[in-house]
Protein backbone atom coordinates (compact mmCIF):
# COMPACT_ATOMS: atom_id res chain seq x y z
CA MET A 1 -106.56 17.54 -21.81
CA ILE A 2 -108.02 17.52 -18.31
CA VAL A 3 -105.57 14.88 -17.48
CA SER A 4 -102.74 17.04 -18.35
CA CYS A 5 -104.08 19.96 -16.43
CA VAL A 6 -104.05 17.79 -13.41
CA LEU A 7 -100.76 16.29 -13.67
CA ALA A 8 -99.27 20.00 -14.31
CA ALA A 9 -101.06 21.09 -11.24
CA VAL A 10 -99.89 18.07 -9.15
CA CYS A 11 -96.09 17.60 -10.23
CA PRO A 12 -94.98 20.87 -8.48
CA LEU A 13 -96.52 19.97 -5.64
CA ALA A 14 -94.83 16.55 -5.33
CA ALA A 15 -91.55 18.19 -6.23
CA ALA A 16 -91.79 20.64 -3.24
CA ALA A 17 -92.75 17.72 -0.82
CA GLU A 18 -89.70 16.04 -1.43
CA LYS A 19 -87.25 18.83 -0.84
CA PRO A 20 -86.41 18.51 2.97
CA ARG A 21 -86.72 21.53 5.11
CA VAL A 22 -83.54 23.36 6.35
CA TYR A 23 -83.93 25.31 9.63
CA THR A 24 -81.80 28.49 10.20
CA ASN A 25 -80.87 30.58 13.11
CA ASP A 26 -83.61 33.06 11.95
CA ASP A 27 -86.15 30.29 12.51
CA LEU A 28 -84.83 29.61 16.08
CA GLU A 29 -84.99 33.13 16.98
CA ARG A 30 -88.64 33.23 15.95
CA VAL A 31 -89.71 30.50 18.08
CA ALA A 32 -87.43 31.33 20.96
CA PRO A 33 -90.38 33.22 22.78
CA PHE A 34 -92.04 29.99 22.99
CA ARG A 35 -89.50 27.85 24.63
CA ASP A 36 -90.80 27.79 28.11
CA GLN A 37 -93.71 25.93 26.67
CA THR A 38 -91.64 22.82 25.91
CA GLY A 39 -90.96 22.41 29.83
CA VAL A 40 -87.19 23.24 29.60
CA ASP A 41 -87.48 25.55 32.55
CA SER A 42 -89.91 23.69 34.78
CA LYS A 43 -88.95 23.20 38.33
CA PRO A 44 -89.44 19.93 40.24
CA ALA A 45 -92.30 19.53 42.61
CA HIS A 46 -90.03 18.51 45.28
CA ARG A 47 -86.39 19.43 46.42
CA PRO A 48 -84.15 16.15 46.01
CA GLY A 49 -82.48 15.53 49.25
CA ALA A 50 -82.20 13.03 51.85
CA ALA A 51 -86.04 12.46 51.94
CA GLY A 52 -86.14 11.83 48.26
CA ALA A 53 -83.25 9.43 48.59
CA ARG A 54 -84.71 7.56 51.41
CA ALA A 55 -88.10 7.43 49.28
CA SER A 56 -86.48 5.81 46.14
CA GLN A 57 -84.92 3.23 48.57
CA LYS A 58 -88.01 1.73 50.12
CA VAL A 59 -91.19 1.44 48.18
CA GLU A 60 -94.42 0.60 50.63
CA GLY A 61 -91.87 -0.80 52.86
CA ARG A 62 -90.14 -2.98 50.26
CA ASP A 63 -86.72 -1.88 49.18
CA GLU A 64 -84.64 -2.62 45.75
CA ARG A 65 -83.34 -5.94 47.71
CA TYR A 66 -86.62 -7.39 47.97
CA TRP A 67 -87.74 -6.45 44.06
CA ARG A 68 -84.49 -8.01 43.06
CA GLU A 69 -85.20 -11.08 45.01
CA GLN A 70 -88.89 -11.25 43.49
CA ALA A 71 -87.28 -10.82 40.00
CA ASP A 72 -84.63 -13.56 40.56
CA ARG A 73 -87.32 -15.84 41.92
CA THR A 74 -89.65 -15.10 38.90
CA ALA A 75 -86.68 -15.63 36.43
CA GLU A 76 -86.09 -19.10 37.76
CA GLN A 77 -89.53 -20.04 37.69
CA VAL A 78 -89.65 -18.63 34.08
CA ARG A 79 -86.59 -20.51 33.16
CA ARG A 80 -87.99 -23.77 34.49
CA LEU A 81 -91.34 -23.43 32.54
CA ARG A 82 -89.60 -22.57 29.35
CA GLU A 83 -87.24 -25.55 29.65
CA GLN A 84 -90.44 -27.62 30.12
CA ALA A 85 -91.76 -26.11 26.97
CA GLU A 86 -88.64 -26.65 24.92
CA GLY A 87 -88.60 -30.04 26.06
CA LEU A 88 -92.19 -30.78 24.95
CA GLY A 89 -91.21 -29.06 21.79
CA GLU A 90 -88.49 -31.68 20.96
CA ARG A 91 -90.79 -34.61 21.92
CA ILE A 92 -93.36 -32.93 19.42
CA ALA A 93 -90.73 -32.83 16.63
CA GLU A 94 -89.59 -36.46 17.27
CA ARG A 95 -93.44 -37.59 17.04
CA ARG A 96 -93.98 -35.60 13.75
CA ARG A 97 -90.95 -37.57 12.39
CA GLN A 98 -92.19 -40.91 13.03
CA PRO A 99 -93.61 -42.65 9.86
CA GLY A 100 -97.40 -43.03 9.84
CA VAL A 101 -98.13 -40.06 12.14
CA MET A 102 -100.18 -36.99 10.82
CA PRO A 103 -97.94 -34.26 12.04
CA TYR A 104 -100.66 -31.78 13.06
CA SER A 105 -103.68 -33.72 13.63
CA ASP A 106 -102.28 -36.43 15.76
CA PRO A 107 -103.94 -36.69 19.16
CA HIS A 108 -100.50 -36.98 21.05
CA VAL A 109 -98.96 -33.83 19.01
CA VAL A 110 -102.05 -32.06 19.46
CA ALA A 111 -102.07 -32.45 23.59
CA MET A 112 -98.19 -32.06 23.76
CA GLU A 113 -98.42 -28.79 21.65
CA GLN A 114 -101.67 -27.61 23.92
CA LYS A 115 -99.54 -28.46 26.88
CA ARG A 116 -96.39 -26.47 25.56
CA GLN A 117 -98.47 -23.23 24.84
CA THR A 118 -99.78 -23.43 28.33
CA LEU A 119 -96.47 -23.62 29.85
CA GLU A 120 -95.40 -20.60 27.51
CA ALA A 121 -98.47 -18.62 28.62
CA ARG A 122 -97.56 -19.41 32.39
CA ALA A 123 -94.16 -18.14 31.78
CA ARG A 124 -95.39 -15.02 30.21
CA GLU A 125 -97.99 -14.59 32.95
CA ALA A 126 -95.53 -14.99 35.79
CA GLU A 127 -93.38 -12.19 34.12
CA SER A 128 -96.14 -9.71 33.70
CA ARG A 129 -97.45 -10.61 37.40
CA LEU A 130 -94.40 -9.59 38.73
CA GLU A 131 -93.96 -6.16 36.38
CA GLU A 132 -97.66 -5.30 37.35
CA ARG A 133 -97.02 -5.73 41.11
CA ALA A 134 -93.76 -3.80 41.05
CA ARG A 135 -95.48 -1.07 38.89
CA ARG A 136 -98.22 -0.83 41.14
CA ALA A 137 -96.06 -0.55 44.08
CA GLY A 138 -93.81 2.02 42.66
CA ALA A 139 -90.82 0.14 42.41
CA LEU A 140 -87.99 1.32 39.92
CA PRO A 141 -87.98 -0.91 36.73
CA GLY A 142 -84.09 -1.03 37.30
CA TRP A 143 -84.73 -3.26 40.35
CA LEU A 144 -86.39 -5.98 38.17
CA ARG A 145 -83.17 -6.47 35.96
């Protein structure tokens, strides 16, 4: 008897929770006085102009061209590291296919796998190091692409 009372009390709540809320113009008019709290009418801290354009082109003496060159150099370094890691991955796969080799405990496989993981970590570290340097210098994210 208690169970049926609990179910009867819960079922109407579950049905009400499933129905989506429909907003009307009355709802929008009700919240309109609070519109400025969203920041829609906020003013920029400084007026955009020539000074703003110059500031966006140079960041701590380094311009967009510098950061694009750094990104290209880092991308090349990461590409080489990942190619080496891929080559090791292929050698690991070949070694594991050889007869009589324990695929995951063979000392050569373990050593090559550790080196492959180290190369991958170095590639990730190079990318994150560049991103961190650029972020700290105030470079725009698009300059690294």
